[in-house]
C-alpha cells in the first residue's frame, strides 16, 4: 500500500499519464499477448494505436483500464500504480478516464440525456451538476437537440456521439477510444476523430485504437504500432 500511495501522490506534471516498464502479458491459454513493452504517453498527447488482429492492441488497452493484470513489469496510469493496485481501488482509477466503445453500449430504455447522466450518477454527482454538465457535454458533440431521443431513434454516428458525450461528462484526464469509428460510415468516422482532436486540444489525453489507416494518415497524431505483442514503431505525425 505504501508503494501505491507514493506513486499516486507524485505530482502529475513530473510523470507521463501512461507508462509501461518492461510489461509482458501471457494468458492462461498460453497466448503471449504482450512482450517487454516499454512506452510513455505524456499528458495532452493524442495517440493512435494500430496493428493487425492479434497484435496485442486489446490487451494493451485492457491493462490500462485494469481489466487485466500484467504478468511482469510495471504500469502507471494517471498516477496510479496498476501493478500493486487492489481491486477496490480500480473504480477510483476509472473515474479519471472516459471510455468510448466500438459498439456504443448505450442503455436502450434510457434517453440520450439519461444515458450520459448515468456516468455522473455512478460517481455520486448531484442533480444540479448533472443537468449542467450533461447539457454541456451534449452541446460539445452537437446533440443538444436530441437529449430526449431514445437510442433506437438515432443513427449509428449519433449513437457514437452520445457515447463520446458520456465519456466526456466527468471531465476525465484521459479518453480511451476503442475502435470508435468501427460501426459508422467514413464521413462520420472523420467527424468522430475531429471531435476527439478538438477535445485533445483542450488538454485531454486521447488514446485511440483503430484499423482505419486513412484516418491515421489524415490526422497528424503520434502512432504506436503493435505486432506480435511488441511495439514495432512509434512515430509522430501519422506515419507508420
C-alpha atoms as a PDB file:
ATOM      1  CA  UNK A   1       0.000   0.000   0.000  1.00  0.00           C
ATOM      2  CA  UNK A   2       2.895   2.348   0.775  1.00  0.00           C
ATOM      3  CA  UNK A   3       4.187   1.991  -2.804  1.00  0.00           C
ATOM      4  CA  UNK A   4       0.716   2.701  -4.230  1.00  0.00           C
ATOM      5  CA  UNK A   5       0.373   5.892  -2.198  1.00  0.00           C
ATOM      6  CA  UNK A   6       3.869   7.040  -3.102  1.00  0.00           C
ATOM      7  CA  UNK A   7       3.178   6.810  -6.838  1.00  0.00           C
ATOM      8  CA  UNK A   8      -0.323   8.262  -6.522  1.00  0.00           C
ATOM      9  CA  UNK A   9       0.967  11.323  -4.657  1.00  0.00           C
ATOM     10  CA  UNK A  10       3.687  12.127  -7.190  1.00  0.00           C
ATOM     11  CA  UNK A  11       2.819  15.426  -8.954  1.00  0.00           C
ATOM     12  CA  UNK A  12       1.215  14.618 -12.320  1.00  0.00           C
ATOM     13  CA  UNK A  13       3.449  17.140 -14.125  1.00  0.00           C
ATOM     14  CA  UNK A  14       6.502  15.065 -13.198  1.00  0.00           C
ATOM     15  CA  UNK A  15       5.379  11.864 -14.879  1.00  0.00           C
ATOM     16  CA  UNK A  16       3.677  10.596 -18.058  1.00  0.00           C
ATOM     17  CA  UNK A  17      -0.049   9.935 -17.878  1.00  0.00           C
ATOM     18  CA  UNK A  18       0.647   6.359 -19.071  1.00  0.00           C
ATOM     19  CA  UNK A  19       3.878   4.439 -18.595  1.00  0.00           C
ATOM     20  CA  UNK A  20       4.698   0.783 -19.298  1.00  0.00           C
ATOM     21  CA  UNK A  21       8.016  -0.505 -17.975  1.00  0.00           C
ATOM     22  CA  UNK A  22       9.010  -3.948 -19.230  1.00  0.00           C
ATOM     23  CA  UNK A  23       5.398  -5.129 -19.373  1.00  0.00           C
ATOM     24  CA  UNK A  24       4.546  -8.647 -20.527  1.00  0.00           C
ATOM     25  CA  UNK A  25       1.189 -10.427 -20.519  1.00  0.00           C
ATOM     26  CA  UNK A  26       0.586 -14.121 -21.149  1.00  0.00           C
ATOM     27  CA  UNK A  27      -2.913 -15.567 -20.821  1.00  0.00           C
ATOM     28  CA  UNK A  28      -3.653 -18.932 -19.204  1.00  0.00           C
ATOM     29  CA  UNK A  29      -4.236 -20.335 -22.687  1.00  0.00           C
ATOM     30  CA  UNK A  30      -0.536 -19.766 -23.362  1.00  0.00           C
ATOM     31  CA  UNK A  31      -1.114 -16.807 -25.685  1.00  0.00           C
ATOM     32  CA  UNK A  32       1.709 -14.270 -25.395  1.00  0.00           C
ATOM     33  CA  UNK A  33      -0.254 -11.041 -25.841  1.00  0.00           C
ATOM     34  CA  UNK A  34       2.455  -8.503 -24.937  1.00  0.00           C
ATOM     35  CA  UNK A  35       6.199  -8.919 -24.544  1.00  0.00           C
ATOM     36  CA  UNK A  36       8.539  -6.481 -22.775  1.00  0.00           C
ATOM     37  CA  UNK A  37       6.594  -3.340 -23.701  1.00  0.00           C
ATOM     38  CA  UNK A  38       8.152  -0.014 -22.728  1.00  0.00           C
ATOM     39  CA  UNK A  39       6.198   3.132 -23.569  1.00  0.00           C
ATOM     40  CA  UNK A  40       5.474   6.611 -22.243  1.00  0.00           C
ATOM     41  CA  UNK A  41       2.458   8.702 -23.198  1.00  0.00           C
ATOM     42  CA  UNK A  42       2.532  12.260 -21.898  1.00  0.00           C
ATOM     43  CA  UNK A  43      -0.286  14.445 -20.676  1.00  0.00           C
ATOM     44  CA  UNK A  44      -2.079  16.133 -23.570  1.00  0.00           C
ATOM     45  CA  UNK A  45      -0.989  13.743 -26.323  1.00  0.00           C
ATOM     46  CA  UNK A  46      -3.261  12.194 -28.969  1.00  0.00           C
ATOM     47  CA  UNK A  47      -2.021   8.709 -29.800  1.00  0.00           C
ATOM     48  CA  UNK A  48      -3.304   6.205 -32.349  1.00  0.00           C
ATOM     49  CA  UNK A  49      -2.663   2.536 -31.539  1.00  0.00           C
ATOM     50  CA  UNK A  50      -2.554   0.369 -34.666  1.00  0.00           C
ATOM     51  CA  UNK A  51      -1.733  -3.200 -35.587  1.00  0.00           C
ATOM     52  CA  UNK A  52      -3.261  -6.271 -37.172  1.00  0.00           C
ATOM     53  CA  UNK A  53      -5.721  -8.540 -35.401  1.00  0.00           C
ATOM     54  CA  UNK A  54      -3.945 -10.369 -32.583  1.00  0.00           C
ATOM     55  CA  UNK A  55      -1.127  -7.808 -32.394  1.00  0.00           C
ATOM     56  CA  UNK A  56      -1.856  -7.033 -28.738  1.00  0.00           C
ATOM     57  CA  UNK A  57      -3.935  -3.835 -29.026  1.00  0.00           C
ATOM     58  CA  UNK A  58      -6.869  -5.092 -26.949  1.00  0.00           C
ATOM     59  CA  UNK A  59      -4.595  -6.387 -24.215  1.00  0.00           C
ATOM     60  CA  UNK A  60      -2.721  -3.085 -24.183  1.00  0.00           C
ATOM     61  CA  UNK A  61      -5.994  -1.217 -23.574  1.00  0.00           C
ATOM     62  CA  UNK A  62      -7.298  -3.716 -21.021  1.00  0.00           C
ATOM     63  CA  UNK A  63      -4.122  -3.346 -18.994  1.00  0.00           C
ATOM     64  CA  UNK A  64      -4.522   0.450 -18.977  1.00  0.00           C
ATOM     65  CA  UNK A  65      -8.127   0.116 -17.763  1.00  0.00           C
ATOM     66  CA  UNK A  66      -7.012  -2.575 -15.287  1.00  0.00           C
ATOM     67  CA  UNK A  67      -9.369  -5.147 -16.803  1.00  0.00           C
ATOM     68  CA  UNK A  68      -6.286  -7.388 -16.951  1.00  0.00           C
ATOM     69  CA  UNK A  69      -3.099  -7.512 -14.880  1.00  0.00           C
ATOM     70  CA  UNK A  70       0.404  -7.786 -16.313  1.00  0.00           C
ATOM     71  CA  UNK A  71       2.480 -10.873 -15.521  1.00  0.00           C
ATOM     72  CA  UNK A  72       5.674  -8.849 -15.333  1.00  0.00           C
ATOM     73  CA  UNK A  73       6.667  -5.199 -15.428  1.00  0.00           C
ATOM     74  CA  UNK A  74       5.119  -2.020 -14.075  1.00  0.00           C
ATOM     75  CA  UNK A  75       2.183   0.064 -15.345  1.00  0.00           C
ATOM     76  CA  UNK A  76       1.414   3.560 -14.104  1.00  0.00           C
ATOM     77  CA  UNK A  77      -1.720   5.357 -15.307  1.00  0.00           C
ATOM     78  CA  UNK A  78      -2.612   8.859 -14.147  1.00  0.00           C
ATOM     79  CA  UNK A  79      -0.507   8.462 -11.013  1.00  0.00           C
ATOM     80  CA  UNK A  80      -1.886   5.030 -10.111  1.00  0.00           C
ATOM     81  CA  UNK A  81       0.467   2.061  -9.849  1.00  0.00           C
ATOM     82  CA  UNK A  82      -1.655  -0.638 -11.500  1.00  0.00           C
ATOM     83  CA  UNK A  83       0.860  -3.341 -10.600  1.00  0.00           C
ATOM     84  CA  UNK A  84       0.172  -3.081  -6.872  1.00  0.00           C
ATOM     85  CA  UNK A  85      -3.375  -1.694  -7.079  1.00  0.00           C
ATOM     86  CA  UNK A  86      -6.020  -3.505  -5.073  1.00  0.00           C
ATOM     87  CA  UNK A  87      -9.307  -4.344  -6.772  1.00  0.00           C
ATOM     88  CA  UNK A  88     -11.231  -1.945  -4.504  1.00  0.00           C
ATOM     89  CA  UNK A  89      -9.231   0.984  -5.947  1.00  0.00           C
ATOM     90  CA  UNK A  90      -9.987   0.198  -9.609  1.00  0.00           C
ATOM     91  CA  UNK A  91     -13.172   2.376  -9.669  1.00  0.00           C
ATOM     92  CA  UNK A  92     -11.053   5.320  -8.479  1.00  0.00           C
ATOM     93  CA  UNK A  93      -8.730   4.794 -11.454  1.00  0.00           C
ATOM     94  CA  UNK A  94     -11.593   4.550 -13.944  1.00  0.00           C
ATOM     95  CA  UNK A  95     -13.135   7.801 -12.742  1.00  0.00           C
ATOM     96  CA  UNK A  96     -10.094   9.568 -14.207  1.00  0.00           C
ATOM     97  CA  UNK A  97     -10.817   8.200 -17.703  1.00  0.00           C
ATOM     98  CA  UNK A  98     -13.628   8.242 -20.226  1.00  0.00           C
ATOM     99  CA  UNK A  99     -14.123   5.196 -22.449  1.00  0.00           C
ATOM    100  CA  UNK A 100     -15.655   5.152 -25.935  1.00  0.00           C
ATOM    101  CA  UNK A 101     -16.611   1.730 -27.294  1.00  0.00           C
ATOM    102  CA  UNK A 102     -16.993   0.470 -30.855  1.00  0.00           C
ATOM    103  CA  UNK A 103     -20.467  -0.918 -30.144  1.00  0.00           C
ATOM    104  CA  UNK A 104     -21.765   2.274 -28.431  1.00  0.00           C
ATOM    105  CA  UNK A 105     -23.094   0.429 -25.332  1.00  0.00           C
ATOM    106  CA  UNK A 106     -25.997   2.765 -24.776  1.00  0.00           C
ATOM    107  CA  UNK A 107     -28.784   1.681 -22.413  1.00  0.00           C
ATOM    108  CA  UNK A 108     -31.757   1.117 -24.760  1.00  0.00           C
ATOM    109  CA  UNK A 109     -34.542   2.073 -22.329  1.00  0.00           C
ATOM    110  CA  UNK A 110     -32.885   5.382 -21.359  1.00  0.00           C
ATOM    111  CA  UNK A 111     -32.986   8.502 -23.496  1.00  0.00           C
ATOM    112  CA  UNK A 112     -29.867  10.366 -24.617  1.00  0.00           C
ATOM    113  CA  UNK A 113     -29.781  12.674 -21.586  1.00  0.00           C
ATOM    114  CA  UNK A 114     -30.224   9.745 -19.176  1.00  0.00           C
ATOM    115  CA  UNK A 115     -27.506   7.700 -20.887  1.00  0.00           C
ATOM    116  CA  UNK A 116     -24.983  10.490 -20.438  1.00  0.00           C
ATOM    117  CA  UNK A 117     -26.212  11.311 -16.928  1.00  0.00           C
ATOM    118  CA  UNK A 118     -25.736   7.694 -15.877  1.00  0.00           C
ATOM    119  CA  UNK A 119     -21.959   8.190 -15.919  1.00  0.00           C
ATOM    120  CA  UNK A 120     -22.365  11.015 -13.402  1.00  0.00           C
ATOM    121  CA  UNK A 121     -24.793   9.134 -11.171  1.00  0.00           C
ATOM    122  CA  UNK A 122     -22.170   6.398 -10.852  1.00  0.00           C
ATOM    123  CA  UNK A 123     -19.684   8.839  -9.294  1.00  0.00           C
ATOM    124  CA  UNK A 124     -22.302  10.377  -6.991  1.00  0.00           C
ATOM    125  CA  UNK A 125     -22.816  13.750  -8.676  1.00  0.00           C
ATOM    126  CA  UNK A 126     -25.751  15.930  -7.603  1.00  0.00           C
ATOM    127  CA  UNK A 127     -28.820  16.656  -9.737  1.00  0.00           C
ATOM    128  CA  UNK A 128     -27.931  20.287 -10.421  1.00  0.00           C
ATOM    129  CA  UNK A 129     -24.411  19.416 -11.539  1.00  0.00           C
ATOM    130  CA  UNK A 130     -25.721  16.561 -13.678  1.00  0.00           C
ATOM    131  CA  UNK A 131     -28.171  18.815 -15.540  1.00  0.00           C
ATOM    132  CA  UNK A 132     -25.458  21.375 -16.205  1.00  0.00           C
ATOM    133  CA  UNK A 133     -22.662  19.013 -17.255  1.00  0.00           C
ATOM    134  CA  UNK A 134     -24.822  16.678 -19.370  1.00  0.00           C
ATOM    135  CA  UNK A 135     -26.218  19.621 -21.331  1.00  0.00           C
ATOM    136  CA  UNK A 136     -22.690  20.928 -21.828  1.00  0.00           C
ATOM    137  CA  UNK A 137     -21.377  17.524 -22.995  1.00  0.00           C
ATOM    138  CA  UNK A 138     -24.245  17.061 -25.455  1.00  0.00           C
ATOM    139  CA  UNK A 139     -23.655  20.543 -26.879  1.00  0.00           C
ATOM    140  CA  UNK A 140     -19.966  19.718 -27.416  1.00  0.00           C
ATOM    141  CA  UNK A 141     -20.889  16.741 -29.606  1.00  0.00           C
ATOM    142  CA  UNK A 142     -23.710  18.598 -31.399  1.00  0.00           C
ATOM    143  CA  UNK A 143     -26.582  16.649 -29.866  1.00  0.00           C
ATOM    144  CA  UNK A 144     -28.215  19.155 -27.530  1.00  0.00           C
ATOM    145  CA  UNK A 145     -31.413  18.902 -29.573  1.00  0.00           C
ATOM    146  CA  UNK A 146     -31.518  15.105 -29.195  1.00  0.00           C
ATOM    147  CA  UNK A 147     -31.487  14.991 -25.382  1.00  0.00           C
ATOM    148  CA  UNK A 148     -34.922  13.343 -25.134  1.00  0.00           C
ATOM    149  CA  UNK A 149     -34.470  10.939 -28.050  1.00  0.00           C
ATOM    150  CA  UNK A 150     -34.121   7.218 -27.463  1.00  0.00           C
ATOM    151  CA  UNK A 151     -31.060   5.342 -28.799  1.00  0.00           C
ATOM    152  CA  UNK A 152     -33.249   3.488 -31.309  1.00  0.00           C
ATOM    153  CA  UNK A 153     -34.185   6.832 -32.877  1.00  0.00           C
ATOM    154  CA  UNK A 154     -30.553   7.745 -33.587  1.00  0.00           C
ATOM    155  CA  UNK A 155     -28.203   6.893 -36.427  1.00  0.00           C
ATOM    156  CA  UNK A 156     -25.026   4.950 -35.681  1.00  0.00           C
ATOM    157  CA  UNK A 157     -22.981   8.138 -35.834  1.00  0.00           C
ATOM    158  CA  UNK A 158     -25.331   9.893 -33.413  1.00  0.00           C
ATOM    159  CA  UNK A 159     -25.165   6.956 -31.022  1.00  0.00           C
ATOM    160  CA  UNK A 160     -21.381   7.124 -31.060  1.00  0.00           C
ATOM    161  CA  UNK A 161     -21.510  10.844 -30.326  1.00  0.00           C
ATOM    162  CA  UNK A 162     -23.704  10.065 -27.305  1.00  0.00           C
ATOM    163  CA  UNK A 163     -21.016   7.601 -26.255  1.00  0.00           C
ATOM    164  CA  UNK A 164     -18.441  10.355 -26.628  1.00  0.00           C
ATOM    165  CA  UNK A 165     -20.548  12.771 -24.548  1.00  0.00           C
ATOM    166  CA  UNK A 166     -20.824  10.103 -21.844  1.00  0.00           C
ATOM    167  CA  UNK A 167     -17.023   9.692 -21.869  1.00  0.00           C
ATOM    168  CA  UNK A 168     -16.573  13.478 -21.572  1.00  0.00           C
ATOM    169  CA  UNK A 169     -19.164  14.328 -18.950  1.00  0.00           C
ATOM    170  CA  UNK A 170     -16.975  13.717 -15.893  1.00  0.00           C
ATOM    171  CA  UNK A 171     -14.111  15.820 -17.360  1.00  0.00           C
ATOM    172  CA  UNK A 172     -11.616  12.929 -17.492  1.00  0.00           C
ATOM    173  CA  UNK A 173      -7.869  13.393 -17.847  1.00  0.00           C
ATOM    174  CA  UNK A 174      -7.733  10.526 -20.357  1.00  0.00           C
ATOM    175  CA  UNK A 175     -10.099   9.290 -23.057  1.00  0.00           C
ATOM    176  CA  UNK A 176      -9.684   5.728 -24.289  1.00  0.00           C
ATOM    177  CA  UNK A 177     -11.406   5.160 -27.623  1.00  0.00           C
ATOM    178  CA  UNK A 178     -11.501   1.503 -28.694  1.00  0.00           C
ATOM    179  CA  UNK A 179     -12.272   1.401 -32.435  1.00  0.00           C
ATOM    180  CA  UNK A 180     -14.808   4.248 -32.047  1.00  0.00           C
ATOM    181  CA  UNK A 181     -15.316   4.503 -35.820  1.00  0.00           C
ATOM    182  CA  UNK A 182     -15.732   0.773 -36.429  1.00  0.00           C
ATOM    183  CA  UNK A 183     -19.533   0.894 -36.769  1.00  0.00           C
ATOM    184  CA  UNK A 184     -20.019   4.227 -38.524  1.00  0.00           C
ATOM    185  CA  UNK A 185     -19.634   5.389 -42.127  1.00  0.00           C
ATOM    186  CA  UNK A 186     -16.441   7.114 -43.379  1.00  0.00           C
ATOM    187  CA  UNK A 187     -17.848  10.654 -43.127  1.00  0.00           C
ATOM    188  CA  UNK A 188     -18.926  10.105 -39.535  1.00  0.00           C
ATOM    189  CA  UNK A 189     -15.550   8.492 -38.801  1.00  0.00           C
ATOM    190  CA  UNK A 190     -13.867  11.784 -39.674  1.00  0.00           C
ATOM    191  CA  UNK A 191     -16.367  13.694 -37.545  1.00  0.00           C
ATOM    192  CA  UNK A 192     -15.685  11.454 -34.529  1.00  0.00           C
ATOM    193  CA  UNK A 193     -11.899  11.831 -34.824  1.00  0.00           C
ATOM    194  CA  UNK A 194     -12.273  15.568 -35.418  1.00  0.00           C
ATOM    195  CA  UNK A 195     -14.290  15.818 -32.199  1.00  0.00           C
ATOM    196  CA  UNK A 196     -11.675  13.812 -30.326  1.00  0.00           C
ATOM    197  CA  UNK A 197      -8.993  16.091 -31.753  1.00  0.00           C
ATOM    198  CA  UNK A 198     -10.829  19.198 -30.538  1.00  0.00           C
ATOM    199  CA  UNK A 199     -11.202  17.641 -27.090  1.00  0.00           C
ATOM    200  CA  UNK A 200      -7.485  16.840 -27.132  1.00  0.00           C
ATOM    201  CA  UNK A 201      -6.649  20.460 -27.978  1.00  0.00           C
ATOM    202  CA  UNK A 202      -8.334  21.467 -24.709  1.00  0.00           C
ATOM    203  CA  UNK A 203      -5.840  19.340 -22.797  1.00  0.00           C
ATOM    204  CA  UNK A 204      -7.405  15.878 -22.546  1.00  0.00           C
ATOM    205  CA  UNK A 205      -5.130  12.979 -23.451  1.00  0.00           C
ATOM    206  CA  UNK A 206      -6.658  10.715 -26.131  1.00  0.00           C
ATOM    207  CA  UNK A 207      -5.634   7.122 -26.835  1.00  0.00           C
ATOM    208  CA  UNK A 208      -7.438   5.613 -29.819  1.00  0.00           C
ATOM    209  CA  UNK A 209      -7.244   2.108 -31.261  1.00  0.00           C
ATOM    210  CA  UNK A 210      -8.078   1.956 -34.955  1.00  0.00           C
ATOM    211  CA  UNK A 211      -7.779  -0.216 -38.054  1.00  0.00           C
ATOM    212  CA  UNK A 212      -8.506   2.748 -40.334  1.00  0.00           C
ATOM    213  CA  UNK A 213      -5.169   3.714 -41.858  1.00  0.00           C
ATOM    214  CA  UNK A 214      -6.757   6.585 -43.783  1.00  0.00           C
ATOM    215  CA  UNK A 215      -7.749   8.258 -40.525  1.00  0.00           C
ATOM    216  CA  UNK A 216      -4.240   7.765 -39.154  1.00  0.00           C
ATOM    217  CA  UNK A 217      -2.696   9.333 -42.241  1.00  0.00           C
ATOM    218  CA  UNK A 218      -5.102  12.269 -42.361  1.00  0.00           C
ATOM    219  CA  UNK A 219      -4.847  13.276 -38.700  1.00  0.00           C
ATOM    220  CA  UNK A 220      -1.409  14.384 -37.644  1.00  0.00           C
ATOM    221  CA  UNK A 221      -1.027  12.450 -34.376  1.00  0.00           C
ATOM    222  CA  UNK A 222       1.503  10.099 -32.814  1.00  0.00           C
ATOM    223  CA  UNK A 223       1.198   6.454 -33.926  1.00  0.00           C
ATOM    224  CA  UNK A 224       2.168   3.391 -31.901  1.00  0.00           C
ATOM    225  CA  UNK A 225       2.205   0.145 -33.887  1.00  0.00           C
ATOM    226  CA  UNK A 226       1.988  -3.252 -32.222  1.00  0.00           C
ATOM    227  CA  UNK A 227       2.922  -6.537 -33.887  1.00  0.00           C
ATOM    228  CA  UNK A 228       3.216  -9.889 -32.172  1.00  0.00           C
ATOM    229  CA  UNK A 229       2.842  -8.266 -28.762  1.00  0.00           C
ATOM    230  CA  UNK A 230       5.762  -5.883 -29.315  1.00  0.00           C
ATOM    231  CA  UNK A 231       5.960  -2.203 -30.199  1.00  0.00           C
ATOM    232  CA  UNK A 232       7.495  -2.174 -33.658  1.00  0.00           C
ATOM    233  CA  UNK A 233       7.013   1.532 -34.450  1.00  0.00           C
ATOM    234  CA  UNK A 234       6.386   4.720 -32.512  1.00  0.00           C
ATOM    235  CA  UNK A 235       6.184   7.742 -34.783  1.00  0.00           C
ATOM    236  CA  UNK A 236       4.916  11.300 -34.638  1.00  0.00           C
ATOM    237  CA  UNK A 237       2.854  12.811 -37.391  1.00  0.00           C
ATOM    238  CA  UNK A 238       0.658   9.938 -38.554  1.00  0.00           C
ATOM    239  CA  UNK A 239       3.440   7.897 -40.172  1.00  0.00           C
ATOM    240  CA  UNK A 240       3.664   4.112 -39.867  1.00  0.00           C
END
